[in-house]
Protein backbone atom coordinates (compact mmCIF):
# COMPACT_ATOMS: atom_id res chain seq x y z
CA MET A 1 -13.78 116.06 -188.66
CA PRO A 2 -12.50 114.25 -191.73
CA ASP A 3 -11.68 110.55 -191.46
CA PRO A 4 -12.49 110.23 -187.75
CA ASP A 5 -11.39 106.59 -187.68
CA THR A 6 -7.91 107.52 -188.92
CA PRO A 7 -7.26 111.09 -187.73
CA GLU A 8 -4.10 112.68 -189.10
CA ILE A 9 -2.59 115.83 -187.64
CA THR A 10 -2.15 117.77 -190.88
CA THR A 11 -5.60 116.92 -192.20
CA TRP A 12 -7.34 117.78 -188.96
CA VAL A 13 -5.45 121.05 -188.42
CA GLN A 14 -6.25 122.10 -191.99
CA HIS A 15 -9.90 121.25 -191.40
CA VAL A 16 -10.04 123.32 -188.20
CA SER A 17 -8.41 126.18 -190.07
CA SER A 18 -10.94 126.00 -192.90
CA VAL A 19 -13.88 125.88 -190.50
CA VAL A 20 -12.61 128.79 -188.39
CA GLY A 21 -11.63 131.04 -191.28
CA THR A 22 -10.01 134.19 -189.95
CA PRO A 23 -9.70 133.84 -186.17
CA ASP A 24 -10.00 136.78 -183.82
CA GLU A 25 -10.75 137.57 -180.18
CA HIS A 26 -14.37 136.52 -180.80
CA THR A 27 -13.30 133.02 -181.84
CA PHE A 28 -13.82 130.31 -179.24
CA LEU A 29 -12.82 126.71 -179.80
CA VAL A 30 -14.21 123.60 -178.11
CA GLY A 31 -12.72 120.16 -178.56
CA HIS A 32 -13.04 116.62 -177.28
CA SER A 33 -10.33 113.98 -176.95
CA ILE A 34 -8.08 113.93 -180.02
CA GLY A 35 -9.93 117.04 -181.21
CA CYS A 36 -8.23 118.88 -178.33
CA GLN A 37 -4.89 117.96 -179.83
CA ALA A 38 -6.08 119.25 -183.21
CA ILE A 39 -7.10 122.57 -181.64
CA LEU A 40 -3.77 122.97 -179.84
CA ARG A 41 -1.85 122.23 -183.03
CA TYR A 42 -4.10 124.63 -184.95
CA LEU A 43 -3.32 127.37 -182.42
CA GLU A 44 0.36 126.58 -182.76
CA SER A 45 0.07 127.11 -186.54
CA LEU A 46 -1.44 130.61 -186.34
CA PRO A 47 0.58 133.60 -187.49
CA PRO A 48 2.04 135.97 -184.88
CA ASP A 49 -0.29 138.59 -183.42
CA THR A 50 -3.37 136.42 -184.01
CA HIS A 51 -5.48 135.98 -180.89
CA VAL A 52 -8.53 133.85 -180.16
CA GLY A 53 -10.99 134.43 -177.34
CA GLY A 54 -10.47 131.11 -175.59
CA VAL A 55 -10.52 127.34 -175.67
CA VAL A 56 -12.46 124.63 -173.83
CA LEU A 57 -10.88 121.19 -174.01
CA VAL A 58 -12.78 118.09 -172.86
CA ALA A 59 -10.82 114.89 -172.21
CA GLY A 60 -7.74 116.36 -173.83
CA PHE A 61 -4.50 114.50 -173.43
CA PHE A 62 -0.75 114.41 -173.65
CA THR A 63 -0.67 110.80 -172.40
CA LEU A 64 -3.11 107.95 -172.95
CA THR A 65 -3.85 104.54 -171.46
CA ASN A 66 -5.84 101.57 -172.78
CA ILE A 67 -5.43 102.81 -176.34
CA GLY A 68 -6.34 99.43 -177.81
CA GLY A 69 -4.45 97.28 -180.25
CA PRO A 70 -1.58 98.00 -182.64
CA ALA A 71 -3.82 99.85 -185.14
CA GLU A 72 -5.05 102.28 -182.46
CA GLU A 73 -1.53 102.75 -181.14
CA GLU A 74 -0.32 103.59 -184.65
CA ILE A 75 -3.07 106.22 -185.02
CA ALA A 76 -2.30 107.76 -181.62
CA ARG A 77 1.50 107.72 -181.94
CA PRO A 78 1.95 110.97 -183.94
CA TRP A 79 -0.47 112.83 -181.70
CA LEU A 80 1.49 111.69 -178.65
CA THR A 81 5.03 112.10 -179.98
CA LYS A 82 5.06 115.16 -182.27
CA SER A 83 6.24 118.05 -180.14
CA ILE A 84 4.04 121.03 -179.40
CA ASN A 85 5.25 124.60 -178.90
CA TYR A 86 3.31 125.64 -175.78
CA GLU A 87 4.69 129.18 -175.77
CA LYS A 88 3.39 129.70 -179.28
CA ILE A 89 -0.06 128.42 -178.26
CA LEU A 90 -0.08 130.77 -175.29
CA SER A 91 0.85 133.68 -177.55
CA HIS A 92 -2.53 133.15 -179.26
CA THR A 93 -4.64 132.70 -176.13
CA ASP A 94 -4.12 132.53 -172.39
CA ARG A 95 -7.70 131.51 -171.76
CA ILE A 96 -7.78 127.72 -171.74
CA THR A 97 -10.07 125.50 -169.69
CA ALA A 98 -9.48 121.75 -169.63
CA ILE A 99 -12.16 119.39 -168.32
CA PHE A 100 -11.38 115.85 -167.17
CA SER A 101 -13.19 112.91 -165.63
CA ASP A 102 -11.86 111.05 -162.61
CA ASN A 103 -12.68 107.72 -164.28
CA ASP A 104 -11.70 108.27 -167.93
CA GLU A 105 -10.39 104.92 -169.14
CA PHE A 106 -8.20 106.58 -171.80
CA VAL A 107 -7.05 109.89 -170.30
CA PRO A 108 -5.20 109.47 -167.00
CA LEU A 109 -5.48 112.28 -164.46
CA GLU A 110 -1.77 113.03 -164.78
CA ASN A 111 -2.90 115.10 -167.78
CA VAL A 112 -4.43 117.64 -165.38
CA LYS A 113 -0.93 118.57 -164.22
CA PHE A 114 0.36 118.74 -167.79
CA PHE A 115 -2.40 121.13 -168.88
CA GLU A 116 -1.84 123.32 -165.83
CA GLU A 117 1.94 123.43 -166.22
CA ARG A 118 2.28 123.55 -169.99
CA LEU A 119 -0.72 125.72 -170.87
CA GLN A 120 -1.60 127.48 -167.59
CA ALA A 121 -5.06 126.00 -168.14
CA LYS A 122 -7.87 126.21 -165.68
CA THR A 123 -8.66 122.57 -164.96
CA ILE A 124 -11.90 120.98 -163.82
CA ILE A 125 -12.31 117.36 -162.74
CA GLN A 126 -15.78 115.86 -163.10
CA LYS A 127 -16.85 112.76 -161.18
CA ASN A 128 -17.71 109.51 -162.99
CA ARG A 129 -18.05 110.97 -166.50
CA GLY A 130 -15.85 108.42 -168.29
CA HIS A 131 -14.47 109.75 -171.57
CA PHE A 132 -17.43 112.15 -171.92
CA SER A 133 -18.81 110.13 -174.83
CA GLY A 134 -22.21 108.88 -175.85
CA SER A 135 -21.15 105.38 -174.84
CA ASP A 136 -20.62 106.81 -171.35
CA GLY A 137 -24.18 108.18 -171.46
CA ILE A 138 -22.93 111.75 -171.89
CA MET A 139 -25.11 113.62 -174.38
CA GLU A 140 -24.75 117.07 -172.79
CA LEU A 141 -21.98 118.64 -170.77
CA PRO A 142 -23.26 121.75 -168.97
CA VAL A 143 -19.86 122.48 -167.40
CA ALA A 144 -18.38 122.94 -170.87
CA LEU A 145 -21.10 125.41 -171.81
CA THR A 146 -20.66 127.27 -168.53
CA GLU A 147 -16.91 127.55 -169.11
CA LEU A 148 -17.39 128.66 -172.70
CA LEU A 149 -19.82 131.37 -171.63
CA GLU A 150 -17.39 132.46 -168.91
CA LEU A 151 -14.55 132.75 -171.42
CA SER A 152 -16.72 134.80 -173.75
CA ARG A 153 -17.41 137.52 -171.17
């Protein structure tokens, strides 16, 4: 993703769009952390009658904790405050899986409820996986692959 240290909604959504090209029912999207937000906002931007095969979101969020200092809060603010049209997202796919960790220092488990209620997502809670990052020792995430393969059937 462009400028990962200063992610901006418009830039990231445009990047996802350029990478995906023309989406269809054979398009599957996988995101992590703020990338999940980018995917949701990309889906929201699609024209009517465009459908993707499914989405796997790892450590996605609508709320955050322990963001860091003022600079990190400023980066996160638009992602947390700009509204999302959930109905529009669901008009493009109803196959969403969201994966969380029970000890993610940034993504509180209240997000599980939000993904279930707002996006009718299938949710999975993993034990002791932190934020699913390399600094947490996570280099592979078999559950994400399993869910992606399940969505593609």
